[in-house]
Amino acid sequence: MPTASDAGNSVIGAVINTALATLVTLSVMSLSFAAYHTLMIRDAAITAASKAGRFSAPEQNRYLLRLLDENLPDLASYEITPLGLGDYVGVRVVSKLPGFGFIEPPAISIQAIAPKERVS
């Protein structure tokens, strides 16, 4: 026959199980958002690098910053480094995305390089 303390323990157990299930769900959602935002960062870096490779193209850092500001969450932090590699031009984007739940998303480092156009 159940006692009053058994009923209290089952309520506490249900609350703890619900909290753990919520944290696991939030962790999975956090990793999913990190994967999605990694693709957004990669696409923005590739676009900026390909535009920077055009003949007499201006620097694309402002364009890349605008793309990242529009597509990333407000709490994301990122750093852009222009790359000049002889006949190539590119950008490196290092980003840290916000996370929630048990798992913190890893730092993201994306590098995109494009050849420079030449006029002969």
Protein backbone atom coordinates (compact mmCIF):
# COMPACT_ATOMS: atom_id res chain seq x y z
CA MET A 1 0.00 0.00 0.00
CA PRO A 2 1.48 3.38 -1.02
CA THR A 3 2.24 5.89 1.71
CA ALA A 4 2.29 9.69 1.63
CA SER A 5 6.09 9.75 1.31
CA ASP A 6 5.91 7.47 -1.75
CA ALA A 7 3.55 9.93 -3.43
CA GLY A 8 5.95 12.81 -2.69
CA ASN A 9 8.90 10.86 -4.06
CA SER A 10 7.06 10.06 -7.27
CA VAL A 11 6.24 13.76 -7.78
CA ILE A 12 9.88 14.73 -7.23
CA GLY A 13 10.98 11.93 -9.58
CA ALA A 14 8.57 13.15 -12.26
CA VAL A 15 9.85 16.73 -11.93
CA ILE A 16 13.48 15.60 -12.14
CA ASN A 17 12.77 13.38 -15.17
CA THR A 18 10.94 16.23 -16.91
CA ALA A 19 13.83 18.62 -16.21
CA LEU A 20 16.40 16.13 -17.54
CA ALA A 21 14.32 15.44 -20.65
CA THR A 22 14.04 19.18 -21.25
CA LEU A 23 17.80 19.67 -20.92
CA VAL A 24 18.52 16.81 -23.32
CA THR A 25 16.03 18.26 -25.82
CA LEU A 26 17.60 21.72 -25.51
CA SER A 27 21.06 20.22 -26.04
CA VAL A 28 19.97 18.49 -29.24
CA MET A 29 18.31 21.69 -30.45
CA SER A 30 21.47 23.65 -29.65
CA LEU A 31 23.60 21.29 -31.73
CA SER A 32 21.08 21.46 -34.59
CA PHE A 33 21.16 25.26 -34.57
CA ALA A 34 24.98 25.18 -34.45
CA ALA A 35 25.06 22.97 -37.56
CA TYR A 36 22.61 25.27 -39.36
CA HIS A 37 24.57 28.40 -38.42
CA THR A 38 27.82 26.75 -39.51
CA LEU A 39 26.31 26.33 -42.96
CA MET A 40 25.22 29.98 -42.95
CA ILE A 41 28.74 31.11 -41.99
CA ARG A 42 30.27 28.88 -44.66
CA ASP A 43 27.97 30.22 -47.37
CA ALA A 44 28.65 33.84 -46.36
CA ALA A 45 32.44 33.27 -46.34
CA ILE A 46 32.38 31.58 -49.77
CA THR A 47 30.28 34.40 -51.24
CA ALA A 48 32.57 37.09 -49.81
CA ALA A 49 35.73 35.29 -51.00
CA SER A 50 34.39 34.80 -54.52
CA LYS A 51 33.36 38.47 -54.75
CA ALA A 52 36.75 39.58 -53.41
CA GLY A 53 38.49 37.56 -56.13
CA ARG A 54 36.96 39.62 -58.93
CA PHE A 55 39.19 42.04 -60.79
CA SER A 56 39.47 45.38 -58.95
CA ALA A 57 36.87 44.29 -56.40
CA PRO A 58 36.75 46.26 -53.15
CA GLU A 59 37.37 44.52 -49.84
CA GLN A 60 34.41 42.36 -48.89
CA ASN A 61 34.66 42.54 -45.09
CA ARG A 62 31.70 44.92 -44.73
CA TYR A 63 29.59 42.72 -46.98
CA LEU A 64 30.56 39.63 -44.98
CA LEU A 65 29.83 41.40 -41.68
CA ARG A 66 26.38 42.38 -42.96
CA LEU A 67 25.65 38.79 -44.05
CA LEU A 68 26.74 37.43 -40.68
CA ASP A 69 24.77 40.08 -38.75
CA GLU A 70 21.63 39.21 -40.70
CA ASN A 71 21.96 35.42 -40.47
CA LEU A 72 23.45 34.69 -37.03
CA PRO A 73 21.76 34.99 -33.63
CA ASP A 74 22.37 38.21 -31.72
CA LEU A 75 24.49 36.52 -29.06
CA ALA A 76 26.94 34.98 -31.55
CA SER A 77 30.45 36.35 -31.56
CA TYR A 78 32.67 36.14 -34.62
CA GLU A 79 35.98 37.41 -35.92
CA ILE A 80 36.84 37.93 -39.60
CA THR A 81 40.41 37.75 -40.89
CA PRO A 82 41.12 38.64 -44.53
CA LEU A 83 43.56 36.28 -46.24
CA GLY A 84 45.95 37.28 -49.04
CA LEU A 85 47.76 34.28 -50.44
CA GLY A 86 49.56 35.39 -53.61
CA ASP A 87 47.21 34.63 -56.49
CA TYR A 88 44.39 33.86 -54.07
CA VAL A 89 42.22 35.92 -51.78
CA GLY A 90 39.97 34.74 -48.99
CA VAL A 91 38.55 35.13 -45.53
CA ARG A 92 38.65 33.19 -42.29
CA VAL A 93 35.68 33.40 -39.95
CA VAL A 94 35.98 32.17 -36.36
CA SER A 95 32.69 32.12 -34.50
CA LYS A 96 31.35 31.12 -31.11
CA LEU A 97 27.62 30.48 -31.02
CA PRO A 98 25.44 30.62 -27.93
CA GLY A 99 24.30 27.33 -26.48
CA PHE A 100 21.85 26.02 -23.95
CA GLY A 101 21.35 22.67 -22.32
CA PHE A 102 24.15 20.26 -21.43
CA ILE A 103 26.28 20.73 -24.55
CA GLU A 104 28.02 23.96 -25.48
CA PRO A 105 28.48 24.29 -29.28
CA PRO A 106 32.13 24.11 -30.35
CA ALA A 107 33.94 27.11 -31.82
CA ILE A 108 33.53 27.27 -35.59
CA SER A 109 36.41 28.12 -37.92
CA ILE A 110 35.63 28.49 -41.63
CA GLN A 111 38.14 29.45 -44.29
CA ALA A 112 37.17 30.29 -47.88
CA ILE A 113 39.71 31.01 -50.64
CA ALA A 114 39.13 32.10 -54.25
CA PRO A 115 41.57 32.79 -57.10
CA LYS A 116 42.12 36.42 -58.10
CA GLU A 117 40.92 37.38 -61.56
CA ARG A 118 43.53 38.82 -63.89
CA VAL A 119 43.12 40.91 -66.97
CA SER A 120 45.69 40.12 -69.67
